[in-house]
């Protein structure tokens, strides 16, 4: 059994004190002594970086700084045998082969473990759906993933000043809702090709895309339709799967309901998700990973997080050239 309480000597560093960083800071108090939680933000000038490097037993590091800075910060602040959370997406640009090899050499050499920021995998309703898909993958006829959300409701402060609204900081709906791309990898595997079209609706004060429609070819007999936007006040976050035997399953990720339908009957399974579930679950997973000798599951998830960057690159390539793009 793996204890969730770290040893008293262990310390946590949170890098970046935006909305997500503040949530981690508040939730981390359940598992770490408040004197063992260190903060760094280059904008708020919290703590000197040089002094942080000299802290002993700094075994946990959460990178919730802007995606434009995460990889560079990681390379400049490597703590041997530490366990990290990389918030999503891991970076702005896809890793080339050289970058990928260098990255994995660094984590292997320094015995580093990493939890990706793709926390929807921890939702019990997602886990239930994955079990159903694994048993019925060849029976799937069509997949629709529809996410409508409203950027102004994400932040307490002015949304126009957030990273999400600014192209130069890695904003835009494709990056900000890359959770859905990770779920595609997690639930259905890697697509074969992509055709994407996105735009700025001009309904928000952002200089990024705020609407994206993407068609993934999963195989010769199956397409997956993905819609993303963060300009709709009528919020929806659903995965709809239609099967060849006239059955349908819908996962509502706002209500956390899993609905099974056929032509005669509908059943709904409800899952209770507590407030701050995802932040709490991420910290628990980080601690579990740090103490576990099982390398397989976190490495697999990390590779998917890196694949998300590659898929985003191909989405942008498809949109730019207005054509189908194949994935290696």
C-alpha atoms as a PDB file:
ATOM      1  CA  UNK A   1       0.000   0.000   0.000  1.00  0.00           C
ATOM      2  CA  UNK A   2       1.313   3.457  -0.938  1.00  0.00           C
ATOM      3  CA  UNK A   3       0.871   6.164   1.676  1.00  0.00           C
ATOM      4  CA  UNK A   4      -0.388   9.498   0.376  1.00  0.00           C
ATOM      5  CA  UNK A   5       1.325  11.494   3.105  1.00  0.00           C
ATOM      6  CA  UNK A   6       4.874  12.393   2.045  1.00  0.00           C
ATOM      7  CA  UNK A   7       7.632  12.164   4.606  1.00  0.00           C
ATOM      8  CA  UNK A   8       7.819  15.269   6.782  1.00  0.00           C
ATOM      9  CA  UNK A   9      11.209  16.117   5.360  1.00  0.00           C
ATOM     10  CA  UNK A  10       9.805  16.331   1.797  1.00  0.00           C
ATOM     11  CA  UNK A  11       9.224  19.726   0.226  1.00  0.00           C
ATOM     12  CA  UNK A  12       7.099  20.984  -2.668  1.00  0.00           C
ATOM     13  CA  UNK A  13       7.826  23.774  -5.150  1.00  0.00           C
ATOM     14  CA  UNK A  14       5.011  25.343  -7.186  1.00  0.00           C
ATOM     15  CA  UNK A  15       6.213  27.288 -10.215  1.00  0.00           C
ATOM     16  CA  UNK A  16       3.736  29.829 -11.546  1.00  0.00           C
ATOM     17  CA  UNK A  17       1.011  31.428  -9.440  1.00  0.00           C
ATOM     18  CA  UNK A  18      -1.755  31.977 -11.941  1.00  0.00           C
ATOM     19  CA  UNK A  19      -5.207  30.484 -11.453  1.00  0.00           C
ATOM     20  CA  UNK A  20      -4.060  26.842 -11.556  1.00  0.00           C
ATOM     21  CA  UNK A  21      -0.951  27.492  -9.438  1.00  0.00           C
ATOM     22  CA  UNK A  22      -3.041  29.071  -6.683  1.00  0.00           C
ATOM     23  CA  UNK A  23      -5.371  26.060  -6.678  1.00  0.00           C
ATOM     24  CA  UNK A  24      -2.398  23.727  -6.272  1.00  0.00           C
ATOM     25  CA  UNK A  25      -1.053  25.864  -3.440  1.00  0.00           C
ATOM     26  CA  UNK A  26      -4.327  25.714  -1.491  1.00  0.00           C
ATOM     27  CA  UNK A  27      -4.892  21.982  -2.049  1.00  0.00           C
ATOM     28  CA  UNK A  28      -1.271  21.024  -1.292  1.00  0.00           C
ATOM     29  CA  UNK A  29      -1.755  22.036   2.341  1.00  0.00           C
ATOM     30  CA  UNK A  30      -3.611  18.748   2.859  1.00  0.00           C
ATOM     31  CA  UNK A  31      -0.438  16.798   2.126  1.00  0.00           C
ATOM     32  CA  UNK A  32       2.468  19.112   2.939  1.00  0.00           C
ATOM     33  CA  UNK A  33       3.297  21.299   5.901  1.00  0.00           C
ATOM     34  CA  UNK A  34       2.720  24.894   4.792  1.00  0.00           C
ATOM     35  CA  UNK A  35       6.355  25.689   5.684  1.00  0.00           C
ATOM     36  CA  UNK A  36       7.424  23.000   3.190  1.00  0.00           C
ATOM     37  CA  UNK A  37       5.538  24.580   0.259  1.00  0.00           C
ATOM     38  CA  UNK A  38       7.722  26.924  -1.768  1.00  0.00           C
ATOM     39  CA  UNK A  39       6.483  29.274  -4.476  1.00  0.00           C
ATOM     40  CA  UNK A  40       8.130  30.809  -7.506  1.00  0.00           C
ATOM     41  CA  UNK A  41       6.628  33.320  -9.913  1.00  0.00           C
ATOM     42  CA  UNK A  42       8.795  35.596 -12.003  1.00  0.00           C
ATOM     43  CA  UNK A  43       5.895  38.067 -12.275  1.00  0.00           C
ATOM     44  CA  UNK A  44       5.040  38.179  -8.573  1.00  0.00           C
ATOM     45  CA  UNK A  45       8.696  37.868  -7.566  1.00  0.00           C
ATOM     46  CA  UNK A  46       8.001  35.105  -5.047  1.00  0.00           C
ATOM     47  CA  UNK A  47      11.260  33.702  -3.684  1.00  0.00           C
ATOM     48  CA  UNK A  48      14.682  33.894  -5.270  1.00  0.00           C
ATOM     49  CA  UNK A  49      15.341  31.110  -7.809  1.00  0.00           C
ATOM     50  CA  UNK A  50      18.958  30.740  -6.730  1.00  0.00           C
ATOM     51  CA  UNK A  51      17.875  30.114  -3.136  1.00  0.00           C
ATOM     52  CA  UNK A  52      15.332  27.509  -4.259  1.00  0.00           C
ATOM     53  CA  UNK A  53      18.061  25.473  -5.941  1.00  0.00           C
ATOM     54  CA  UNK A  54      19.826  25.135  -2.610  1.00  0.00           C
ATOM     55  CA  UNK A  55      16.825  23.639  -0.763  1.00  0.00           C
ATOM     56  CA  UNK A  56      17.401  20.083   0.453  1.00  0.00           C
ATOM     57  CA  UNK A  57      14.722  17.401   0.027  1.00  0.00           C
ATOM     58  CA  UNK A  58      12.836  19.349  -2.620  1.00  0.00           C
ATOM     59  CA  UNK A  59      11.206  16.191  -3.934  1.00  0.00           C
ATOM     60  CA  UNK A  60       8.056  17.527  -5.603  1.00  0.00           C
ATOM     61  CA  UNK A  61       7.802  20.229  -8.272  1.00  0.00           C
ATOM     62  CA  UNK A  62       4.643  21.455 -10.002  1.00  0.00           C
ATOM     63  CA  UNK A  63       5.180  23.384 -13.225  1.00  0.00           C
ATOM     64  CA  UNK A  64       2.069  25.543 -13.643  1.00  0.00           C
ATOM     65  CA  UNK A  65       3.889  28.454 -15.252  1.00  0.00           C
ATOM     66  CA  UNK A  66       3.003  29.463 -18.861  1.00  0.00           C
ATOM     67  CA  UNK A  67       3.501  26.663 -21.396  1.00  0.00           C
ATOM     68  CA  UNK A  68       6.019  28.870 -23.221  1.00  0.00           C
ATOM     69  CA  UNK A  69       8.333  28.621 -20.193  1.00  0.00           C
ATOM     70  CA  UNK A  70       7.847  25.083 -18.828  1.00  0.00           C
ATOM     71  CA  UNK A  71      10.504  23.129 -20.714  1.00  0.00           C
ATOM     72  CA  UNK A  72      13.163  25.836 -20.317  1.00  0.00           C
ATOM     73  CA  UNK A  73      12.447  26.091 -16.595  1.00  0.00           C
ATOM     74  CA  UNK A  74      12.618  22.321 -16.239  1.00  0.00           C
ATOM     75  CA  UNK A  75      16.010  22.176 -17.960  1.00  0.00           C
ATOM     76  CA  UNK A  76      17.371  24.977 -15.768  1.00  0.00           C
ATOM     77  CA  UNK A  77      15.954  23.575 -12.528  1.00  0.00           C
ATOM     78  CA  UNK A  78      16.524  19.837 -12.480  1.00  0.00           C
ATOM     79  CA  UNK A  79      16.268  18.186  -9.089  1.00  0.00           C
ATOM     80  CA  UNK A  80      17.570  14.636  -9.007  1.00  0.00           C
ATOM     81  CA  UNK A  81      15.003  11.997  -7.949  1.00  0.00           C
ATOM     82  CA  UNK A  82      12.207  14.606  -7.899  1.00  0.00           C
ATOM     83  CA  UNK A  83       8.649  13.987  -9.087  1.00  0.00           C
ATOM     84  CA  UNK A  84       7.106  16.664 -11.285  1.00  0.00           C
ATOM     85  CA  UNK A  85       3.666  17.655 -12.498  1.00  0.00           C
ATOM     86  CA  UNK A  86       3.835  19.248 -15.940  1.00  0.00           C
ATOM     87  CA  UNK A  87       0.640  21.231 -16.460  1.00  0.00           C
ATOM     88  CA  UNK A  88      -0.880  20.927 -19.909  1.00  0.00           C
ATOM     89  CA  UNK A  89       0.141  21.361 -22.628  1.00  0.00           C
ATOM     90  CA  UNK A  90       3.744  20.536 -21.710  1.00  0.00           C
ATOM     91  CA  UNK A  91       5.101  23.137 -24.128  1.00  0.00           C
ATOM     92  CA  UNK A  92       4.018  25.382 -26.985  1.00  0.00           C
ATOM     93  CA  UNK A  93       5.928  23.587 -29.715  1.00  0.00           C
ATOM     94  CA  UNK A  94       6.118  19.897 -30.586  1.00  0.00           C
ATOM     95  CA  UNK A  95       9.269  17.988 -29.671  1.00  0.00           C
ATOM     96  CA  UNK A  96      11.468  16.997 -32.593  1.00  0.00           C
ATOM     97  CA  UNK A  97      13.380  13.709 -32.325  1.00  0.00           C
ATOM     98  CA  UNK A  98      16.438  15.430 -30.876  1.00  0.00           C
ATOM     99  CA  UNK A  99      14.356  17.259 -28.244  1.00  0.00           C
ATOM    100  CA  UNK A 100      12.547  14.063 -27.306  1.00  0.00           C
ATOM    101  CA  UNK A 101      15.749  12.027 -26.938  1.00  0.00           C
ATOM    102  CA  UNK A 102      17.364  14.763 -24.859  1.00  0.00           C
ATOM    103  CA  UNK A 103      14.296  15.063 -22.631  1.00  0.00           C
ATOM    104  CA  UNK A 104      14.106  11.333 -21.878  1.00  0.00           C
ATOM    105  CA  UNK A 105      17.869  11.167 -21.277  1.00  0.00           C
ATOM    106  CA  UNK A 106      17.505  13.958 -18.705  1.00  0.00           C
ATOM    107  CA  UNK A 107      14.713  12.257 -16.789  1.00  0.00           C
ATOM    108  CA  UNK A 108      16.451   8.865 -16.911  1.00  0.00           C
ATOM    109  CA  UNK A 109      19.844  10.220 -15.846  1.00  0.00           C
ATOM    110  CA  UNK A 110      18.326  12.214 -12.966  1.00  0.00           C
ATOM    111  CA  UNK A 111      15.816   9.503 -11.959  1.00  0.00           C
ATOM    112  CA  UNK A 112      12.950  11.935 -12.437  1.00  0.00           C
ATOM    113  CA  UNK A 113       9.281  10.923 -12.524  1.00  0.00           C
ATOM    114  CA  UNK A 114       6.579  12.989 -14.227  1.00  0.00           C
ATOM    115  CA  UNK A 115       2.796  13.275 -13.968  1.00  0.00           C
ATOM    116  CA  UNK A 116       1.200  15.090 -16.900  1.00  0.00           C
ATOM    117  CA  UNK A 117      -1.445  17.759 -16.336  1.00  0.00           C
ATOM    118  CA  UNK A 118      -4.089  15.778 -18.197  1.00  0.00           C
ATOM    119  CA  UNK A 119      -6.240  15.176 -15.148  1.00  0.00           C
ATOM    120  CA  UNK A 120      -9.460  14.115 -16.927  1.00  0.00           C
ATOM    121  CA  UNK A 121      -7.944  10.620 -17.044  1.00  0.00           C
ATOM    122  CA  UNK A 122      -8.529  10.490 -13.287  1.00  0.00           C
ATOM    123  CA  UNK A 123     -12.284  11.021 -13.583  1.00  0.00           C
ATOM    124  CA  UNK A 124     -14.061   7.782 -12.548  1.00  0.00           C
ATOM    125  CA  UNK A 125     -16.635   8.278 -15.338  1.00  0.00           C
ATOM    126  CA  UNK A 126     -13.787   8.371 -17.888  1.00  0.00           C
ATOM    127  CA  UNK A 127     -12.365   5.183 -16.394  1.00  0.00           C
ATOM    128  CA  UNK A 128     -15.755   3.497 -16.714  1.00  0.00           C
ATOM    129  CA  UNK A 129     -16.061   4.632 -20.334  1.00  0.00           C
ATOM    130  CA  UNK A 130     -12.596   3.301 -21.142  1.00  0.00           C
ATOM    131  CA  UNK A 131     -13.584  -0.162 -19.907  1.00  0.00           C
ATOM    132  CA  UNK A 132     -16.637  -0.125 -22.189  1.00  0.00           C
ATOM    133  CA  UNK A 133     -14.583   1.053 -25.184  1.00  0.00           C
ATOM    134  CA  UNK A 134     -11.915  -1.607 -24.629  1.00  0.00           C
ATOM    135  CA  UNK A 135     -14.587  -4.291 -24.879  1.00  0.00           C
ATOM    136  CA  UNK A 136     -16.395  -2.765 -27.871  1.00  0.00           C
ATOM    137  CA  UNK A 137     -13.763  -0.878 -29.872  1.00  0.00           C
ATOM    138  CA  UNK A 138     -14.448  -2.730 -33.135  1.00  0.00           C
ATOM    139  CA  UNK A 139     -18.185  -2.095 -32.827  1.00  0.00           C
ATOM    140  CA  UNK A 140     -17.873   1.721 -32.848  1.00  0.00           C
ATOM    141  CA  UNK A 141     -19.554   3.444 -35.795  1.00  0.00           C
ATOM    142  CA  UNK A 142     -19.024   7.113 -34.968  1.00  0.00           C
ATOM    143  CA  UNK A 143     -17.442   9.337 -32.296  1.00  0.00           C
ATOM    144  CA  UNK A 144     -18.416  12.934 -31.571  1.00  0.00           C
ATOM    145  CA  UNK A 145     -16.621  15.036 -28.964  1.00  0.00           C
ATOM    146  CA  UNK A 146     -18.205  18.418 -28.329  1.00  0.00           C
ATOM    147  CA  UNK A 147     -16.761  20.968 -25.920  1.00  0.00           C
ATOM    148  CA  UNK A 148     -18.343  24.404 -25.614  1.00  0.00           C
ATOM    149  CA  UNK A 149     -17.119  26.638 -22.827  1.00  0.00           C
ATOM    150  CA  UNK A 150     -16.809  30.348 -22.040  1.00  0.00           C
ATOM    151  CA  UNK A 151     -13.390  31.883 -21.480  1.00  0.00           C
ATOM    152  CA  UNK A 152     -14.651  34.929 -19.496  1.00  0.00           C
ATOM    153  CA  UNK A 153     -16.003  32.534 -16.856  1.00  0.00           C
ATOM    154  CA  UNK A 154     -12.648  30.739 -16.385  1.00  0.00           C
ATOM    155  CA  UNK A 155     -10.875  33.450 -14.417  1.00  0.00           C
ATOM    156  CA  UNK A 156     -11.816  35.844 -11.644  1.00  0.00           C
ATOM    157  CA  UNK A 157      -9.659  38.526 -13.209  1.00  0.00           C
ATOM    158  CA  UNK A 158     -10.024  40.097 -16.670  1.00  0.00           C
ATOM    159  CA  UNK A 159      -9.886  37.192 -19.160  1.00  0.00           C
ATOM    160  CA  UNK A 160      -8.253  39.389 -21.802  1.00  0.00           C
ATOM    161  CA  UNK A 161      -5.101  39.520 -19.673  1.00  0.00           C
ATOM    162  CA  UNK A 162      -4.918  35.738 -19.240  1.00  0.00           C
ATOM    163  CA  UNK A 163      -2.487  33.420 -21.008  1.00  0.00           C
ATOM    164  CA  UNK A 164      -5.478  31.747 -22.718  1.00  0.00           C
ATOM    165  CA  UNK A 165      -6.310  34.920 -24.656  1.00  0.00           C
ATOM    166  CA  UNK A 166      -2.812  35.623 -25.958  1.00  0.00           C
ATOM    167  CA  UNK A 167      -1.168  33.921 -28.908  1.00  0.00           C
ATOM    168  CA  UNK A 168       2.347  34.829 -27.765  1.00  0.00           C
ATOM    169  CA  UNK A 169       1.816  32.955 -24.474  1.00  0.00           C
ATOM    170  CA  UNK A 170       0.491  29.775 -26.089  1.00  0.00           C
ATOM    171  CA  UNK A 171      -3.211  30.579 -25.752  1.00  0.00           C
ATOM    172  CA  UNK A 172      -6.046  29.654 -28.064  1.00  0.00           C
ATOM    173  CA  UNK A 173      -8.736  27.020 -27.827  1.00  0.00           C
ATOM    174  CA  UNK A 174      -6.670  24.167 -29.323  1.00  0.00           C
ATOM    175  CA  UNK A 175      -3.951  24.495 -26.674  1.00  0.00           C
ATOM    176  CA  UNK A 176      -6.289  25.367 -23.819  1.00  0.00           C
ATOM    177  CA  UNK A 177      -8.657  22.463 -24.495  1.00  0.00           C
ATOM    178  CA  UNK A 178      -5.953  19.941 -25.345  1.00  0.00           C
ATOM    179  CA  UNK A 179      -7.465  17.762 -22.589  1.00  0.00           C
ATOM    180  CA  UNK A 180      -9.800  16.478 -25.295  1.00  0.00           C
ATOM    181  CA  UNK A 181      -6.891  15.482 -27.541  1.00  0.00           C
ATOM    182  CA  UNK A 182      -5.308  13.592 -24.649  1.00  0.00           C
ATOM    183  CA  UNK A 183      -8.629  11.821 -24.011  1.00  0.00           C
ATOM    184  CA  UNK A 184      -8.706  10.724 -27.654  1.00  0.00           C
ATOM    185  CA  UNK A 185      -5.284   9.090 -27.198  1.00  0.00           C
ATOM    186  CA  UNK A 186      -6.299   7.594 -23.857  1.00  0.00           C
ATOM    187  CA  UNK A 187      -9.650   6.189 -24.972  1.00  0.00           C
ATOM    188  CA  UNK A 188      -9.249   5.427 -28.674  1.00  0.00           C
ATOM    189  CA  UNK A 189      -5.542   5.428 -29.531  1.00  0.00           C
ATOM    190  CA  UNK A 190      -3.571   7.553 -31.976  1.00  0.00           C
ATOM    191  CA  UNK A 191      -5.377   8.855 -35.100  1.00  0.00           C
ATOM    192  CA  UNK A 192      -4.099   8.176 -38.608  1.00  0.00           C
ATOM    193  CA  UNK A 193      -4.848  11.603 -40.075  1.00  0.00           C
ATOM    194  CA  UNK A 194      -6.413  14.982 -39.305  1.00  0.00           C
ATOM    195  CA  UNK A 195      -8.365  17.675 -41.113  1.00  0.00           C
ATOM    196  CA  UNK A 196      -8.819  20.889 -39.130  1.00  0.00           C
ATOM    197  CA  UNK A 197     -10.402  24.292 -39.516  1.00  0.00           C
ATOM    198  CA  UNK A 198     -10.392  26.962 -36.840  1.00  0.00           C
ATOM    199  CA  UNK A 199     -11.096  30.662 -36.549  1.00  0.00           C
ATOM    200  CA  UNK A 200     -11.430  33.696 -34.328  1.00  0.00           C
ATOM    201  CA  UNK A 201     -15.154  34.421 -34.012  1.00  0.00           C
ATOM    202  CA  UNK A 202     -14.458  38.023 -32.909  1.00  0.00           C
ATOM    203  CA  UNK A 203     -16.987  37.549 -30.118  1.00  0.00           C
ATOM    204  CA  UNK A 204     -14.219  37.750 -27.495  1.00  0.00           C
ATOM    205  CA  UNK A 205     -11.286  40.107 -27.066  1.00  0.00           C
ATOM    206  CA  UNK A 206      -8.610  37.531 -27.896  1.00  0.00           C
ATOM    207  CA  UNK A 207      -5.988  37.342 -30.648  1.00  0.00           C
ATOM    208  CA  UNK A 208      -6.144  33.548 -30.913  1.00  0.00           C
ATOM    209  CA  UNK A 209      -8.510  30.988 -32.401  1.00  0.00           C
ATOM    210  CA  UNK A 210     -11.604  30.492 -30.237  1.00  0.00           C
ATOM    211  CA  UNK A 211     -13.459  27.921 -32.381  1.00  0.00           C
ATOM    212  CA  UNK A 212     -12.007  24.717 -33.863  1.00  0.00           C
ATOM    213  CA  UNK A 213     -13.570  21.855 -35.804  1.00  0.00           C
ATOM    214  CA  UNK A 214     -11.357  18.833 -36.339  1.00  0.00           C
ATOM    215  CA  UNK A 215     -11.941  15.487 -38.056  1.00  0.00           C
ATOM    216  CA  UNK A 216      -9.642  12.650 -37.070  1.00  0.00           C
ATOM    217  CA  UNK A 217      -9.473   9.443 -39.072  1.00  0.00           C
ATOM    218  CA  UNK A 218      -8.965   6.670 -36.527  1.00  0.00           C
ATOM    219  CA  UNK A 219      -8.883   3.928 -39.155  1.00  0.00           C
ATOM    220  CA  UNK A 220     -10.367   3.204 -42.589  1.00  0.00           C
ATOM    221  CA  UNK A 221     -13.838   2.660 -41.086  1.00  0.00           C
ATOM    222  CA  UNK A 222     -13.989   5.216 -38.281  1.00  0.00           C
ATOM    223  CA  UNK A 223     -13.868   9.006 -38.053  1.00  0.00           C
ATOM    224  CA  UNK A 224     -13.857  11.091 -34.877  1.00  0.00           C
ATOM    225  CA  UNK A 225     -15.394  14.582 -34.972  1.00  0.00           C
ATOM    226  CA  UNK A 226     -14.027  17.061 -32.425  1.00  0.00           C
ATOM    227  CA  UNK A 227     -15.519  20.509 -31.804  1.00  0.00           C
ATOM    228  CA  UNK A 228     -13.807  22.940 -29.431  1.00  0.00           C
ATOM    229  CA  UNK A 229     -14.731  26.492 -28.529  1.00  0.00           C
ATOM    230  CA  UNK A 230     -14.350  28.820 -25.579  1.00  0.00           C
ATOM    231  CA  UNK A 231     -16.733  31.536 -26.773  1.00  0.00           C
ATOM    232  CA  UNK A 232     -20.061  29.863 -25.905  1.00  0.00           C
ATOM    233  CA  UNK A 233     -21.976  30.764 -22.694  1.00  0.00           C
ATOM    234  CA  UNK A 234     -23.999  27.550 -23.222  1.00  0.00           C
ATOM    235  CA  UNK A 235     -21.462  25.110 -21.830  1.00  0.00           C
ATOM    236  CA  UNK A 236     -21.215  21.480 -22.880  1.00  0.00           C
ATOM    237  CA  UNK A 237     -18.513  18.836 -22.544  1.00  0.00           C
ATOM    238  CA  UNK A 238     -19.607  15.535 -24.037  1.00  0.00           C
ATOM    239  CA  UNK A 239     -18.225  12.421 -25.649  1.00  0.00           C
ATOM    240  CA  UNK A 240     -20.824  10.609 -27.770  1.00  0.00           C
ATOM    241  CA  UNK A 241     -20.113   7.133 -29.140  1.00  0.00           C
ATOM    242  CA  UNK A 242     -22.511   5.410 -31.526  1.00  0.00           C
ATOM    243  CA  UNK A 243     -22.149   1.652 -31.984  1.00  0.00           C
ATOM    244  CA  UNK A 244     -23.014  -0.539 -34.957  1.00  0.00           C
ATOM    245  CA  UNK A 245     -25.526  -2.530 -32.881  1.00  0.00           C
ATOM    246  CA  UNK A 246     -27.833   0.523 -32.541  1.00  0.00           C
ATOM    247  CA  UNK A 247     -26.536   1.527 -29.131  1.00  0.00           C
ATOM    248  CA  UNK A 248     -25.169   4.839 -27.972  1.00  0.00           C
ATOM    249  CA  UNK A 249     -23.194   5.997 -24.963  1.00  0.00           C
ATOM    250  CA  UNK A 250     -22.747   9.622 -23.904  1.00  0.00           C
ATOM    251  CA  UNK A 251     -20.316  10.877 -21.274  1.00  0.00           C
ATOM    252  CA  UNK A 252     -21.254  14.274 -19.865  1.00  0.00           C
ATOM    253  CA  UNK A 253     -18.085  15.665 -18.281  1.00  0.00           C
ATOM    254  CA  UNK A 254     -19.903  18.590 -16.675  1.00  0.00           C
ATOM    255  CA  UNK A 255     -22.556  16.538 -14.872  1.00  0.00           C
ATOM    256  CA  UNK A 256     -20.304  13.447 -14.734  1.00  0.00           C
ATOM    257  CA  UNK A 257     -23.093  11.254 -16.073  1.00  0.00           C
ATOM    258  CA  UNK A 258     -22.621   8.213 -18.282  1.00  0.00           C
ATOM    259  CA  UNK A 259     -25.740   7.561 -20.370  1.00  0.00           C
ATOM    260  CA  UNK A 260     -26.360   4.251 -22.169  1.00  0.00           C
ATOM    261  CA  UNK A 261     -29.058   4.232 -24.841  1.00  0.00           C
ATOM    262  CA  UNK A 262     -30.579   1.751 -27.252  1.00  0.00           C
ATOM    263  CA  UNK A 263     -33.798   2.033 -29.244  1.00  0.00           C
ATOM    264  CA  UNK A 264     -35.920   0.924 -26.279  1.00  0.00           C
ATOM    265  CA  UNK A 265     -34.130   1.864 -23.083  1.00  0.00           C
ATOM    266  CA  UNK A 266     -31.986   4.577 -21.481  1.00  0.00           C
ATOM    267  CA  UNK A 267     -29.907   4.157 -18.319  1.00  0.00           C
ATOM    268  CA  UNK A 268     -27.847   6.824 -16.572  1.00  0.00           C
ATOM    269  CA  UNK A 269     -24.958   6.211 -14.199  1.00  0.00           C
ATOM    270  CA  UNK A 270     -24.035   9.211 -12.054  1.00  0.00           C
ATOM    271  CA  UNK A 271     -20.608   9.859 -10.570  1.00  0.00           C
ATOM    272  CA  UNK A 272     -20.022  12.237  -7.675  1.00  0.00           C
ATOM    273  CA  UNK A 273     -17.054  14.565  -8.157  1.00  0.00           C
ATOM    274  CA  UNK A 274     -16.136  16.793  -5.229  1.00  0.00           C
ATOM    275  CA  UNK A 275     -15.053  20.398  -5.606  1.00  0.00           C
ATOM    276  CA  UNK A 276     -11.335  20.629  -6.460  1.00  0.00           C
ATOM    277  CA  UNK A 277     -11.371  16.896  -7.272  1.00  0.00           C
ATOM    278  CA  UNK A 278      -8.896  17.228 -10.141  1.00  0.00           C
ATOM    279  CA  UNK A 279      -6.292  19.277  -8.267  1.00  0.00           C
ATOM    280  CA  UNK A 280      -6.495  16.961  -5.266  1.00  0.00           C
ATOM    281  CA  UNK A 281      -6.294  13.866  -7.488  1.00  0.00           C
ATOM    282  CA  UNK A 282      -3.266  15.255  -9.327  1.00  0.00           C
ATOM    283  CA  UNK A 283      -1.369  15.801  -6.075  1.00  0.00           C
ATOM    284  CA  UNK A 284      -2.277  12.291  -4.886  1.00  0.00           C
ATOM    285  CA  UNK A 285      -1.059  10.821  -8.187  1.00  0.00           C
ATOM    286  CA  UNK A 286       2.185  12.803  -7.967  1.00  0.00           C
ATOM    287  CA  UNK A 287       2.845  11.343  -4.507  1.00  0.00           C
ATOM    288  CA  UNK A 288       1.884   7.811  -5.617  1.00  0.00           C
ATOM    289  CA  UNK A 289       4.190   8.015  -8.617  1.00  0.00           C
ATOM    290  CA  UNK A 290       7.068   9.219  -6.457  1.00  0.00           C
ATOM    291  CA  UNK A 291       6.785   6.157  -4.229  1.00  0.00           C
ATOM    292  CA  UNK A 292       5.891   3.578  -6.879  1.00  0.00           C
ATOM    293  CA  UNK A 293       8.365   1.321  -8.657  1.00  0.00           C
ATOM    294  CA  UNK A 294       5.928   0.849 -11.542  1.00  0.00           C
ATOM    295  CA  UNK A 295       7.346   3.030 -14.307  1.00  0.00           C
ATOM    296  CA  UNK A 296       5.035   1.859 -17.083  1.00  0.00           C
ATOM    297  CA  UNK A 297       1.849   3.816 -16.478  1.00  0.00           C
ATOM    298  CA  UNK A 298       3.339   7.262 -15.921  1.00  0.00           C
ATOM    299  CA  UNK A 299       5.762   6.874 -18.853  1.00  0.00           C
ATOM    300  CA  UNK A 300       2.871   5.877 -21.120  1.00  0.00           C
ATOM    301  CA  UNK A 301       0.886   8.931 -20.036  1.00  0.00           C
ATOM    302  CA  UNK A 302       3.946  11.169 -20.496  1.00  0.00           C
ATOM    303  CA  UNK A 303       4.465   9.880 -24.045  1.00  0.00           C
ATOM    304  CA  UNK A 304       0.816  10.680 -24.799  1.00  0.00           C
ATOM    305  CA  UNK A 305       1.310  14.216 -23.444  1.00  0.00           C
ATOM    306  CA  UNK A 306       4.234  14.632 -25.847  1.00  0.00           C
ATOM    307  CA  UNK A 307       2.105  13.170 -28.654  1.00  0.00           C
ATOM    308  CA  UNK A 308      -0.550  15.818 -27.930  1.00  0.00           C
ATOM    309  CA  UNK A 309       2.015  18.488 -28.878  1.00  0.00           C
ATOM    310  CA  UNK A 310       2.709  16.679 -32.151  1.00  0.00           C
ATOM    311  CA  UNK A 311      -1.015  16.373 -32.935  1.00  0.00           C
ATOM    312  CA  UNK A 312      -1.552  20.082 -32.197  1.00  0.00           C
ATOM    313  CA  UNK A 313       1.260  20.849 -34.639  1.00  0.00           C
ATOM    314  CA  UNK A 314      -0.498  18.762 -37.309  1.00  0.00           C
ATOM    315  CA  UNK A 315      -3.845  20.428 -36.539  1.00  0.00           C
ATOM    316  CA  UNK A 316      -2.242  23.810 -37.158  1.00  0.00           C
ATOM    317  CA  UNK A 317      -0.603  22.517 -40.338  1.00  0.00           C
ATOM    318  CA  UNK A 318      -3.945  21.226 -41.620  1.00  0.00           C
ATOM    319  CA  UNK A 319      -5.734  24.487 -40.833  1.00  0.00           C
ATOM    320  CA  UNK A 320      -3.002  26.580 -42.474  1.00  0.00           C
ATOM    321  CA  UNK A 321      -2.907  24.550 -45.679  1.00  0.00           C
ATOM    322  CA  UNK A 322      -6.609  23.615 -45.724  1.00  0.00           C
ATOM    323  CA  UNK A 323      -5.870  19.969 -46.360  1.00  0.00           C
ATOM    324  CA  UNK A 324      -5.783  16.508 -44.824  1.00  0.00           C
ATOM    325  CA  UNK A 325      -2.562  15.811 -42.913  1.00  0.00           C
ATOM    326  CA  UNK A 326      -1.292  12.336 -42.073  1.00  0.00           C
ATOM    327  CA  UNK A 327       0.140  11.507 -38.647  1.00  0.00           C
ATOM    328  CA  UNK A 328       3.298   9.412 -38.366  1.00  0.00           C
END
